[in-house]
Amino acid sequence: MEIIKLEDKESFKPDSKSVVQLIDEDYLQLNMICLEAGQEVPYHNANSNVNLMVVRGEGELELAGEKERLEPGKIYRVPFKIRMRIVNDTSDRLSLLVFKTPNPKEMI
């Protein structure tokens, strides 16, 4: 059995977002995004079916112009190819899990 301890995997950079790859398999890519206060994942189109889950903190998710508060205890489902952005608009750190199914390399 493999256990991934999220607290040990968090990696924050003072000048840019940090993306930590946790799992990379055909049916799943699991990353952890770590954002310091004020940092963001800029606008891009989702390259797979994406599910987001907050590990620490809060922030803002923007999907196709619609904004939603990111907070623990919820799963945010992002459809393939939708335009998205994530912003840490707080003074605390934000880390979240990004589940991509299937792995983007399997998407056509």
PDB file of N, CA and C in Angstrom:
ATOM      1  N   MET A   1       0.841  -1.182   0.000  1.00  0.00           N
ATOM      2  CA  MET A   1       0.000   0.000   0.000  1.00  0.00           C
ATOM      3  C   MET A   1       0.880   1.237   0.000  1.00  0.00           C
ATOM      4  N   GLU A   2       0.503   2.188  -0.818  1.00  0.00           N
ATOM      5  CA  GLU A   2       1.209   3.459  -0.852  1.00  0.00           C
ATOM      6  C   GLU A   2       0.325   4.516  -0.189  1.00  0.00           C
ATOM      7  N   ILE A   3       0.925   5.310   0.662  1.00  0.00           N
ATOM      8  CA  ILE A   3       0.205   6.408   1.326  1.00  0.00           C
ATOM      9  C   ILE A   3       0.914   7.707   0.962  1.00  0.00           C
ATOM     10  N   ILE A   4       0.139   8.662   0.501  1.00  0.00           N
ATOM     11  CA  ILE A   4       0.686   9.974   0.163  1.00  0.00           C
ATOM     12  C   ILE A   4       0.250  10.948   1.242  1.00  0.00           C
ATOM     13  N   LYS A   5       1.197  11.451   1.993  1.00  0.00           N
ATOM     14  CA  LYS A   5       0.896  12.407   3.059  1.00  0.00           C
ATOM     15  C   LYS A   5       0.950  13.822   2.474  1.00  0.00           C
ATOM     16  N   LEU A   6      -0.214  14.422   2.307  1.00  0.00           N
ATOM     17  CA  LEU A   6      -0.318  15.701   1.615  1.00  0.00           C
ATOM     18  C   LEU A   6       0.499  16.806   2.268  1.00  0.00           C
ATOM     19  N   GLU A   7       0.502  16.832   3.572  1.00  0.00           N
ATOM     20  CA  GLU A   7       1.254  17.866   4.290  1.00  0.00           C
ATOM     21  C   GLU A   7       2.735  17.843   3.907  1.00  0.00           C
ATOM     22  N   ASP A   8       3.275  16.651   3.700  1.00  0.00           N
ATOM     23  CA  ASP A   8       4.687  16.523   3.318  1.00  0.00           C
ATOM     24  C   ASP A   8       4.940  16.919   1.869  1.00  0.00           C
ATOM     25  N   LYS A   9       3.912  16.910   1.044  1.00  0.00           N
ATOM     26  CA  LYS A   9       4.054  17.200  -0.382  1.00  0.00           C
ATOM     27  C   LYS A   9       3.843  18.675  -0.720  1.00  0.00           C
ATOM     28  N   GLU A  10       3.235  19.431   0.189  1.00  0.00           N
ATOM     29  CA  GLU A  10       3.008  20.849  -0.087  1.00  0.00           C
ATOM     30  C   GLU A  10       4.338  21.547  -0.360  1.00  0.00           C
ATOM     31  N   SER A  11       4.327  22.398  -1.380  1.00  0.00           N
ATOM     32  CA  SER A  11       5.528  23.138  -1.758  1.00  0.00           C
ATOM     33  C   SER A  11       5.108  24.526  -2.222  1.00  0.00           C
ATOM     34  N   PHE A  12       5.452  25.537  -1.464  1.00  0.00           N
ATOM     35  CA  PHE A  12       5.079  26.904  -1.790  1.00  0.00           C
ATOM     36  C   PHE A  12       6.309  27.667  -2.259  1.00  0.00           C
ATOM     37  N   LYS A  13       6.144  28.449  -3.334  1.00  0.00           N
ATOM     38  CA  LYS A  13       7.223  29.275  -3.876  1.00  0.00           C
ATOM     39  C   LYS A  13       6.841  30.741  -3.694  1.00  0.00           C
ATOM     40  N   PRO A  14       7.789  31.581  -3.310  1.00  0.00           N
ATOM     41  CA  PRO A  14       7.451  32.975  -3.046  1.00  0.00           C
ATOM     42  C   PRO A  14       7.062  33.775  -4.290  1.00  0.00           C
ATOM     43  N   ASP A  15       7.507  33.342  -5.474  1.00  0.00           N
ATOM     44  CA  ASP A  15       7.282  34.156  -6.663  1.00  0.00           C
ATOM     45  C   ASP A  15       6.376  33.539  -7.729  1.00  0.00           C
ATOM     46  N   SER A  16       5.888  32.309  -7.503  1.00  0.00           N
ATOM     47  CA  SER A  16       5.000  31.704  -8.500  1.00  0.00           C
ATOM     48  C   SER A  16       4.265  30.509  -7.907  1.00  0.00           C
ATOM     49  N   LYS A  17       3.223  30.085  -8.606  1.00  0.00           N
ATOM     50  CA  LYS A  17       2.479  28.912  -8.175  1.00  0.00           C
ATOM     51  C   LYS A  17       3.403  27.699  -8.179  1.00  0.00           C
ATOM     52  N   SER A  18       3.041  26.699  -7.408  1.00  0.00           N
ATOM     53  CA  SER A  18       3.782  25.446  -7.367  1.00  0.00           C
ATOM     54  C   SER A  18       2.819  24.316  -7.707  1.00  0.00           C
ATOM     55  N   VAL A  19       3.240  23.429  -8.608  1.00  0.00           N
ATOM     56  CA  VAL A  19       2.443  22.265  -8.971  1.00  0.00           C
ATOM     57  C   VAL A  19       3.250  21.023  -8.626  1.00  0.00           C
ATOM     58  N   VAL A  20       2.698  20.198  -7.748  1.00  0.00           N
ATOM     59  CA  VAL A  20       3.361  18.969  -7.306  1.00  0.00           C
ATOM     60  C   VAL A  20       2.590  17.792  -7.883  1.00  0.00           C
ATOM     61  N   GLN A  21       3.264  16.967  -8.667  1.00  0.00           N
ATOM     62  CA  GLN A  21       2.614  15.784  -9.237  1.00  0.00           C
ATOM     63  C   GLN A  21       2.609  14.658  -8.205  1.00  0.00           C
ATOM     64  N   LEU A  22       1.426  14.142  -7.902  1.00  0.00           N
ATOM     65  CA  LEU A  22       1.283  13.076  -6.909  1.00  0.00           C
ATOM     66  C   LEU A  22       1.063  11.713  -7.558  1.00  0.00           C
ATOM     67  N   ILE A  23       0.253  11.669  -8.621  1.00  0.00           N
ATOM     68  CA  ILE A  23      -0.034  10.422  -9.343  1.00  0.00           C
ATOM     69  C   ILE A  23      -0.072  10.740 -10.827  1.00  0.00           C
ATOM     70  N   ASP A  24       0.543   9.864 -11.638  1.00  0.00           N
ATOM     71  CA  ASP A  24       0.529  10.026 -13.090  1.00  0.00           C
ATOM     72  C   ASP A  24       0.317   8.655 -13.723  1.00  0.00           C
ATOM     73  N   GLU A  25      -0.953   8.324 -13.934  1.00  0.00           N
ATOM     74  CA  GLU A  25      -1.323   7.042 -14.534  1.00  0.00           C
ATOM     75  C   GLU A  25      -2.280   7.315 -15.683  1.00  0.00           C
ATOM     76  N   ASP A  26      -2.520   6.335 -16.550  1.00  0.00           N
ATOM     77  CA  ASP A  26      -3.363   6.552 -17.723  1.00  0.00           C
ATOM     78  C   ASP A  26      -4.735   7.093 -17.367  1.00  0.00           C
ATOM     79  N   TYR A  27      -5.337   6.571 -16.345  1.00  0.00           N
ATOM     80  CA  TYR A  27      -6.711   6.938 -16.003  1.00  0.00           C
ATOM     81  C   TYR A  27      -6.802   8.099 -15.020  1.00  0.00           C
ATOM     82  N   LEU A  28      -5.660   8.533 -14.471  1.00  0.00           N
ATOM     83  CA  LEU A  28      -5.687   9.594 -13.465  1.00  0.00           C
ATOM     84  C   LEU A  28      -4.368  10.350 -13.410  1.00  0.00           C
ATOM     85  N   GLN A  29      -4.494  11.663 -13.408  1.00  0.00           N
ATOM     86  CA  GLN A  29      -3.368  12.522 -13.042  1.00  0.00           C
ATOM     87  C   GLN A  29      -3.832  13.304 -11.822  1.00  0.00           C
ATOM     88  N   LEU A  30      -3.074  13.210 -10.739  1.00  0.00           N
ATOM     89  CA  LEU A  30      -3.407  13.924  -9.509  1.00  0.00           C
ATOM     90  C   LEU A  30      -2.249  14.848  -9.159  1.00  0.00           C
ATOM     91  N   ASN A  31      -2.547  16.141  -9.135  1.00  0.00           N
ATOM     92  CA  ASN A  31      -1.561  17.154  -8.778  1.00  0.00           C
ATOM     93  C   ASN A  31      -2.049  17.919  -7.563  1.00  0.00           C
ATOM     94  N   MET A  32      -1.121  18.565  -6.890  1.00  0.00           N
ATOM     95  CA  MET A  32      -1.470  19.504  -5.825  1.00  0.00           C
ATOM     96  C   MET A  32      -0.921  20.869  -6.247  1.00  0.00           C
ATOM     97  N   ILE A  33      -1.798  21.842  -6.269  1.00  0.00           N
ATOM     98  CA  ILE A  33      -1.399  23.211  -6.572  1.00  0.00           C
ATOM     99  C   ILE A  33      -1.286  23.961  -5.255  1.00  0.00           C
ATOM    100  N   CYS A  34      -0.180  24.674  -5.087  1.00  0.00           N
ATOM    101  CA  CYS A  34       0.075  25.444  -3.866  1.00  0.00           C
ATOM    102  C   CYS A  34       0.272  26.908  -4.250  1.00  0.00           C
ATOM    103  N   LEU A  35      -0.532  27.772  -3.651  1.00  0.00           N
ATOM    104  CA  LEU A  35      -0.499  29.195  -3.961  1.00  0.00           C
ATOM    105  C   LEU A  35      -0.310  30.018  -2.690  1.00  0.00           C
ATOM    106  N   GLU A  36       0.675  30.874  -2.721  1.00  0.00           N
ATOM    107  CA  GLU A  36       0.831  31.860  -1.653  1.00  0.00           C
ATOM    108  C   GLU A  36      -0.223  32.948  -1.860  1.00  0.00           C
ATOM    109  N   ALA A  37      -0.406  33.797  -0.874  1.00  0.00           N
ATOM    110  CA  ALA A  37      -1.349  34.913  -0.968  1.00  0.00           C
ATOM    111  C   ALA A  37      -1.090  35.704  -2.251  1.00  0.00           C
ATOM    112  N   GLY A  38      -2.151  35.984  -3.001  1.00  0.00           N
ATOM    113  CA  GLY A  38      -2.046  36.789  -4.212  1.00  0.00           C
ATOM    114  C   GLY A  38      -1.645  36.039  -5.465  1.00  0.00           C
ATOM    115  N   GLN A  39      -1.218  34.795  -5.357  1.00  0.00           N
ATOM    116  CA  GLN A  39      -0.815  34.036  -6.538  1.00  0.00           C
ATOM    117  C   GLN A  39      -2.029  33.427  -7.238  1.00  0.00           C
ATOM    118  N   GLU A  40      -1.826  33.014  -8.492  1.00  0.00           N
ATOM    119  CA  GLU A  40      -2.931  32.457  -9.257  1.00  0.00           C
ATOM    120  C   GLU A  40      -2.466  31.411 -10.260  1.00  0.00           C
ATOM    121  N   VAL A  41      -3.419  30.612 -10.691  1.00  0.00           N
ATOM    122  CA  VAL A  41      -3.264  29.774 -11.873  1.00  0.00           C
ATOM    123  C   VAL A  41      -3.986  30.560 -12.960  1.00  0.00           C
ATOM    124  N   PRO A  42      -3.249  31.080 -13.951  1.00  0.00           N
ATOM    125  CA  PRO A  42      -3.869  31.973 -14.923  1.00  0.00           C
ATOM    126  C   PRO A  42      -4.906  31.265 -15.807  1.00  0.00           C
ATOM    127  N   TYR A  43      -5.654  32.073 -16.541  1.00  0.00           N
ATOM    128  CA  TYR A  43      -6.670  31.549 -17.449  1.00  0.00           C
ATOM    129  C   TYR A  43      -6.077  30.485 -18.362  1.00  0.00           C
ATOM    130  N   HIS A  44      -6.806  29.386 -18.489  1.00  0.00           N
ATOM    131  CA  HIS A  44      -6.445  28.308 -19.408  1.00  0.00           C
ATOM    132  C   HIS A  44      -7.688  27.446 -19.606  1.00  0.00           C
ATOM    133  N   ASN A  45      -7.657  26.586 -20.598  1.00  0.00           N
ATOM    134  CA  ASN A  45      -8.756  25.660 -20.822  1.00  0.00           C
ATOM    135  C   ASN A  45      -8.419  24.325 -20.178  1.00  0.00           C
ATOM    136  N   ALA A  46      -9.367  23.751 -19.459  1.00  0.00           N
ATOM    137  CA  ALA A  46      -9.154  22.465 -18.796  1.00  0.00           C
ATOM    138  C   ALA A  46      -8.782  21.415 -19.851  1.00  0.00           C
ATOM    139  N   ASN A  47      -7.684  20.695 -19.611  1.00  0.00           N
ATOM    140  CA  ASN A  47      -7.204  19.731 -20.593  1.00  0.00           C
ATOM    141  C   ASN A  47      -7.685  18.303 -20.323  1.00  0.00           C
ATOM    142  N   SER A  48      -8.652  18.159 -19.434  1.00  0.00           N
ATOM    143  CA  SER A  48      -9.285  16.881 -19.120  1.00  0.00           C
ATOM    144  C   SER A  48     -10.527  17.200 -18.293  1.00  0.00           C
ATOM    145  N   ASN A  49     -11.214  16.178 -17.825  1.00  0.00           N
ATOM    146  CA  ASN A  49     -12.258  16.379 -16.830  1.00  0.00           C
ATOM    147  C   ASN A  49     -11.542  16.606 -15.510  1.00  0.00           C
ATOM    148  N   VAL A  50     -11.860  17.686 -14.822  1.00  0.00           N
ATOM    149  CA  VAL A  50     -11.106  18.093 -13.634  1.00  0.00           C
ATOM    150  C   VAL A  50     -12.038  18.160 -12.426  1.00  0.00           C
ATOM    151  N   ASN A  51     -11.540  17.655 -11.298  1.00  0.00           N
ATOM    152  CA  ASN A  51     -12.221  17.804 -10.014  1.00  0.00           C
ATOM    153  C   ASN A  51     -11.219  18.430  -9.060  1.00  0.00           C
ATOM    154  N   LEU A  52     -11.644  19.475  -8.367  1.00  0.00           N
ATOM    155  CA  LEU A  52     -10.775  20.208  -7.437  1.00  0.00           C
ATOM    156  C   LEU A  52     -11.271  20.008  -6.012  1.00  0.00           C
ATOM    157  N   MET A  53     -10.330  19.883  -5.081  1.00  0.00           N
ATOM    158  CA  MET A  53     -10.676  19.761  -3.671  1.00  0.00           C
ATOM    159  C   MET A  53      -9.629  20.514  -2.847  1.00  0.00           C
ATOM    160  N   VAL A  54     -10.084  21.438  -2.028  1.00  0.00           N
ATOM    161  CA  VAL A  54      -9.189  22.266  -1.214  1.00  0.00           C
ATOM    162  C   VAL A  54      -8.608  21.443  -0.066  1.00  0.00           C
ATOM    163  N   VAL A  55      -7.299  21.538   0.110  1.00  0.00           N
ATOM    164  CA  VAL A  55      -6.593  20.913   1.228  1.00  0.00           C
ATOM    165  C   VAL A  55      -6.412  21.926   2.353  1.00  0.00           C
ATOM    166  N   ARG A  56      -6.060  23.165   1.965  1.00  0.00           N
ATOM    167  CA  ARG A  56      -5.778  24.228   2.936  1.00  0.00           C
ATOM    168  C   ARG A  56      -6.222  25.564   2.353  1.00  0.00           C
ATOM    169  N   GLY A  57      -6.839  26.383   3.172  1.00  0.00           N
ATOM    170  CA  GLY A  57      -7.165  27.752   2.790  1.00  0.00           C
ATOM    171  C   GLY A  57      -8.449  27.904   1.997  1.00  0.00           C
ATOM    172  N   GLU A  58      -8.552  29.055   1.365  1.00  0.00           N
ATOM    173  CA  GLU A  58      -9.700  29.410   0.520  1.00  0.00           C
ATOM    174  C   GLU A  58      -9.189  30.223  -0.652  1.00  0.00           C
ATOM    175  N   GLY A  59     -10.027  30.350  -1.667  1.00  0.00           N
ATOM    176  CA  GLY A  59      -9.660  31.131  -2.833  1.00  0.00           C
ATOM    177  C   GLY A  59     -10.859  31.313  -3.741  1.00  0.00           C
ATOM    178  N   GLU A  60     -10.573  31.669  -4.988  1.00  0.00           N
ATOM    179  CA  GLU A  60     -11.641  31.905  -5.953  1.00  0.00           C
ATOM    180  C   GLU A  60     -11.386  31.075  -7.212  1.00  0.00           C
ATOM    181  N   LEU A  61     -12.435  30.425  -7.693  1.00  0.00           N
ATOM    182  CA  LEU A  61     -12.409  29.664  -8.931  1.00  0.00           C
ATOM    183  C   LEU A  61     -13.285  30.394  -9.936  1.00  0.00           C
ATOM    184  N   GLU A  62     -12.753  30.617 -11.114  1.00  0.00           N
ATOM    185  CA  GLU A  62     -13.540  31.234 -12.172  1.00  0.00           C
ATOM    186  C   GLU A  62     -13.648  30.247 -13.328  1.00  0.00           C
ATOM    187  N   LEU A  63     -14.885  29.925 -13.701  1.00  0.00           N
ATOM    188  CA  LEU A  63     -15.163  29.016 -14.812  1.00  0.00           C
ATOM    189  C   LEU A  63     -16.024  29.741 -15.829  1.00  0.00           C
ATOM    190  N   ALA A  64     -15.492  29.926 -17.034  1.00  0.00           N
ATOM    191  CA  ALA A  64     -16.235  30.567 -18.115  1.00  0.00           C
ATOM    192  C   ALA A  64     -16.910  31.866 -17.646  1.00  0.00           C
ATOM    193  N   GLY A  65     -16.186  32.654 -16.852  1.00  0.00           N
ATOM    194  CA  GLY A  65     -16.693  33.937 -16.389  1.00  0.00           C
ATOM    195  C   GLY A  65     -17.515  33.900 -15.111  1.00  0.00           C
ATOM    196  N   GLU A  66     -17.866  32.702 -14.640  1.00  0.00           N
ATOM    197  CA  GLU A  66     -18.644  32.567 -13.397  1.00  0.00           C
ATOM    198  C   GLU A  66     -17.689  32.297 -12.238  1.00  0.00           C
ATOM    199  N   LYS A  67     -17.835  33.041 -11.143  1.00  0.00           N
ATOM    200  CA  LYS A  67     -16.931  32.913  -9.997  1.00  0.00           C
ATOM    201  C   LYS A  67     -17.584  32.127  -8.866  1.00  0.00           C
ATOM    202  N   GLU A  68     -16.767  31.320  -8.213  1.00  0.00           N
ATOM    203  CA  GLU A  68     -17.227  30.494  -7.089  1.00  0.00           C
ATOM    204  C   GLU A  68     -16.147  30.516  -6.016  1.00  0.00           C
ATOM    205  N   ARG A  69     -16.557  30.542  -4.762  1.00  0.00           N
ATOM    206  CA  ARG A  69     -15.615  30.521  -3.633  1.00  0.00           C
ATOM    207  C   ARG A  69     -15.075  29.109  -3.453  1.00  0.00           C
ATOM    208  N   LEU A  70     -13.755  28.951  -3.427  1.00  0.00           N
ATOM    209  CA  LEU A  70     -13.106  27.674  -3.127  1.00  0.00           C
ATOM    210  C   LEU A  70     -12.953  27.554  -1.623  1.00  0.00           C
ATOM    211  N   GLU A  71     -13.457  26.466  -1.053  1.00  0.00           N
ATOM    212  CA  GLU A  71     -13.329  26.244   0.386  1.00  0.00           C
ATOM    213  C   GLU A  71     -13.331  24.751   0.669  1.00  0.00           C
ATOM    214  N   PRO A  72     -12.769  24.355   1.818  1.00  0.00           N
ATOM    215  CA  PRO A  72     -12.719  22.931   2.168  1.00  0.00           C
ATOM    216  C   PRO A  72     -14.118  22.324   2.279  1.00  0.00           C
ATOM    217  N   GLY A  73     -14.179  21.015   2.077  1.00  0.00           N
ATOM    218  CA  GLY A  73     -15.430  20.292   2.253  1.00  0.00           C
ATOM    219  C   GLY A  73     -16.295  20.225   1.010  1.00  0.00           C
ATOM    220  N   LYS A  74     -15.782  20.709  -0.127  1.00  0.00           N
ATOM    221  CA  LYS A  74     -16.538  20.684  -1.377  1.00  0.00           C
ATOM    222  C   LYS A  74     -15.656  20.129  -2.492  1.00  0.00           C
ATOM    223  N   ILE A  75     -16.300  19.560  -3.497  1.00  0.00           N
ATOM    224  CA  ILE A  75     -15.610  19.137  -4.711  1.00  0.00           C
ATOM    225  C   ILE A  75     -16.138  19.997  -5.847  1.00  0.00           C
ATOM    226  N   TYR A  76     -15.233  20.588  -6.585  1.00  0.00           N
ATOM    227  CA  TYR A  76     -15.577  21.478  -7.691  1.00  0.00           C
ATOM    228  C   TYR A  76     -15.302  20.741  -8.991  1.00  0.00           C
ATOM    229  N   ARG A  77     -16.339  20.517  -9.784  1.00  0.00           N
ATOM    230  CA  ARG A  77     -16.235  19.752 -11.025  1.00  0.00           C
ATOM    231  C   ARG A  77     -16.096  20.714 -12.203  1.00  0.00           C
ATOM    232  N   VAL A  78     -15.047  20.508 -12.992  1.00  0.00           N
ATOM    233  CA  VAL A  78     -14.720  21.383 -14.111  1.00  0.00           C
ATOM    234  C   VAL A  78     -14.764  20.553 -15.396  1.00  0.00           C
ATOM    235  N   PRO A  79     -15.664  20.883 -16.316  1.00  0.00           N
ATOM    236  CA  PRO A  79     -15.755  20.126 -17.565  1.00  0.00           C
ATOM    237  C   PRO A  79     -14.539  20.327 -18.477  1.00  0.00           C
ATOM    238  N   PHE A  80     -14.268  19.330 -19.271  1.00  0.00           N
ATOM    239  CA  PHE A  80     -13.203  19.354 -20.278  1.00  0.00           C
ATOM    240  C   PHE A  80     -13.355  20.583 -21.179  1.00  0.00           C
ATOM    241  N   LYS A  81     -12.251  21.251 -21.420  1.00  0.00           N
ATOM    242  CA  LYS A  81     -12.114  22.398 -22.325  1.00  0.00           C
ATOM    243  C   LYS A  81     -12.727  23.703 -21.820  1.00  0.00           C
ATOM    244  N   ILE A  82     -13.280  23.741 -20.634  1.00  0.00           N
ATOM    245  CA  ILE A  82     -13.849  25.005 -20.137  1.00  0.00           C
ATOM    246  C   ILE A  82     -12.716  25.936 -19.700  1.00  0.00           C
ATOM    247  N   ARG A  83     -12.914  27.220 -19.929  1.00  0.00           N
ATOM    248  CA  ARG A  83     -11.915  28.231 -19.533  1.00  0.00           C
ATOM    249  C   ARG A  83     -11.994  28.423 -18.028  1.00  0.00           C
ATOM    250  N   MET A  84     -10.815  28.381 -17.387  1.00  0.00           N
ATOM    251  CA  MET A  84     -10.789  28.461 -15.928  1.00  0.00           C
ATOM    252  C   MET A  84      -9.608  29.264 -15.419  1.00  0.00           C
ATOM    253  N   ARG A  85      -9.722  29.668 -14.151  1.00  0.00           N
ATOM    254  CA  ARG A  85      -8.666  30.406 -13.455  1.00  0.00           C
ATOM    255  C   ARG A  85      -8.860  30.179 -11.966  1.00  0.00           C
ATOM    256  N   ILE A  86      -7.756  30.093 -11.216  1.00  0.00           N
ATOM    257  CA  ILE A  86      -7.797  29.934  -9.759  1.00  0.00           C
ATOM    258  C   ILE A  86      -6.953  31.051  -9.149  1.00  0.00           C
ATOM    259  N   VAL A  87      -7.508  31.737  -8.142  1.00  0.00           N
ATOM    260  CA  VAL A  87      -6.810  32.856  -7.509  1.00  0.00           C
ATOM    261  C   VAL A  87      -6.835  32.680  -5.992  1.00  0.00           C
ATOM    262  N   ASN A  88      -5.673  32.844  -5.365  1.00  0.00           N
ATOM    263  CA  ASN A  88      -5.639  32.930  -3.904  1.00  0.00           C
ATOM    264  C   ASN A  88      -5.797  34.404  -3.555  1.00  0.00           C
ATOM    265  N   ASP A  89      -7.025  34.787  -3.253  1.00  0.00           N
ATOM    266  CA  ASP A  89      -7.336  36.192  -2.960  1.00  0.00           C
ATOM    267  C   ASP A  89      -7.361  36.468  -1.459  1.00  0.00           C
ATOM    268  N   THR A  90      -6.690  35.607  -0.696  1.00  0.00           N
ATOM    269  CA  THR A  90      -6.634  35.787   0.755  1.00  0.00           C
ATOM    270  C   THR A  90      -5.197  36.085   1.183  1.00  0.00           C
ATOM    271  N   SER A  91      -4.996  36.292   2.482  1.00  0.00           N
ATOM    272  CA  SER A  91      -3.646  36.527   3.002  1.00  0.00           C
ATOM    273  C   SER A  91      -3.007  35.232   3.500  1.00  0.00           C
ATOM    274  N   ASP A  92      -3.708  34.108   3.352  1.00  0.00           N
ATOM    275  CA  ASP A  92      -3.201  32.804   3.785  1.00  0.00           C
ATOM    276  C   ASP A  92      -2.839  31.940   2.584  1.00  0.00           C
ATOM    277  N   ARG A  93      -2.172  30.843   2.836  1.00  0.00           N
ATOM    278  CA  ARG A  93      -1.818  29.896   1.781  1.00  0.00           C
ATOM    279  C   ARG A  93      -3.043  29.103   1.329  1.00  0.00           C
ATOM    280  N   LEU A  94      -3.010  28.699   0.053  1.00  0.00           N
ATOM    281  CA  LEU A  94      -4.053  27.862  -0.531  1.00  0.00           C
ATOM    282  C   LEU A  94      -3.386  26.666  -1.194  1.00  0.00           C
ATOM    283  N   SER A  95      -3.850  25.472  -0.857  1.00  0.00           N
ATOM    284  CA  SER A  95      -3.407  24.287  -1.594  1.00  0.00           C
ATOM    285  C   SER A  95      -4.645  23.470  -1.944  1.00  0.00           C
ATOM    286  N   LEU A  96      -4.635  22.909  -3.146  1.00  0.00           N
ATOM    287  CA  LEU A  96      -5.777  22.118  -3.567  1.00  0.00           C
ATOM    288  C   LEU A  96      -5.330  20.956  -4.427  1.00  0.00           C
ATOM    289  N   LEU A  97      -6.115  19.890  -4.366  1.00  0.00           N
ATOM    290  CA  LEU A  97      -5.877  18.722  -5.186  1.00  0.00           C
ATOM    291  C   LEU A  97      -6.591  18.906  -6.512  1.00  0.00           C
ATOM    292  N   VAL A  98      -5.920  18.494  -7.583  1.00  0.00           N
ATOM    293  CA  VAL A  98      -6.467  18.582  -8.931  1.00  0.00           C
ATOM    294  C   VAL A  98      -6.484  17.171  -9.508  1.00  0.00           C
ATOM    295  N   PHE A  99      -7.676  16.591  -9.579  1.00  0.00           N
ATOM    296  CA  PHE A  99      -7.869  15.241 -10.119  1.00  0.00           C
ATOM    297  C   PHE A  99      -8.248  15.380 -11.590  1.00  0.00           C
ATOM    298  N   LYS A 100      -7.449  14.834 -12.489  1.00  0.00           N
ATOM    299  CA  LYS A 100      -7.759  14.873 -13.920  1.00  0.00           C
ATOM    300  C   LYS A 100      -8.021  13.446 -14.394  1.00  0.00           C
ATOM    301  N   THR A 101      -9.241  13.232 -14.916  1.00  0.00           N
ATOM    302  CA  THR A 101      -9.608  11.896 -15.378  1.00  0.00           C
ATOM    303  C   THR A 101     -10.259  11.970 -16.757  1.00  0.00           C
ATOM    304  N   PRO A 102      -9.750  11.248 -17.724  1.00  0.00           N
ATOM    305  CA  PRO A 102      -8.485  10.507 -17.655  1.00  0.00           C
ATOM    306  C   PRO A 102      -7.307  11.480 -17.660  1.00  0.00           C
ATOM    307  N   ASN A 103      -6.127  10.924 -17.578  1.00  0.00           N
ATOM    308  CA  ASN A 103      -4.904  11.710 -17.666  1.00  0.00           C
ATOM    309  C   ASN A 103      -4.962  12.525 -18.960  1.00  0.00           C
ATOM    310  N   PRO A 104      -4.583  13.808 -18.936  1.00  0.00           N
ATOM    311  CA  PRO A 104      -4.647  14.633 -20.147  1.00  0.00           C
ATOM    312  C   PRO A 104      -3.938  14.016 -21.350  1.00  0.00           C
ATOM    313  N   LYS A 105      -2.905  13.230 -21.137  1.00  0.00           N
ATOM    314  CA  LYS A 105      -2.206  12.628 -22.274  1.00  0.00           C
ATOM    315  C   LYS A 105      -3.085  11.604 -22.994  1.00  0.00           C
ATOM    316  N   GLU A 106      -4.184  11.180 -22.354  1.00  0.00           N
ATOM    317  CA  GLU A 106      -5.114  10.242 -22.970  1.00  0.00           C
ATOM    318  C   GLU A 106      -6.277  10.946 -23.685  1.00  0.00           C
ATOM    319  N   MET A 107      -6.382  12.257 -23.515  1.00  0.00           N
ATOM    320  CA  MET A 107      -7.487  13.010 -24.129  1.00  0.00           C
ATOM    321  C   MET A 107      -7.183  13.268 -25.601  1.00  0.00           C
ATOM    322  N   ILE A 108      -8.234  13.279 -26.397  1.00  0.00           N
ATOM    323  CA  ILE A 108      -8.063  13.530 -27.844  1.00  0.00           C
ATOM    324  C   ILE A 108      -8.622  14.892 -28.168  1.00  0.00           C
TER     325      ILE A 108
END
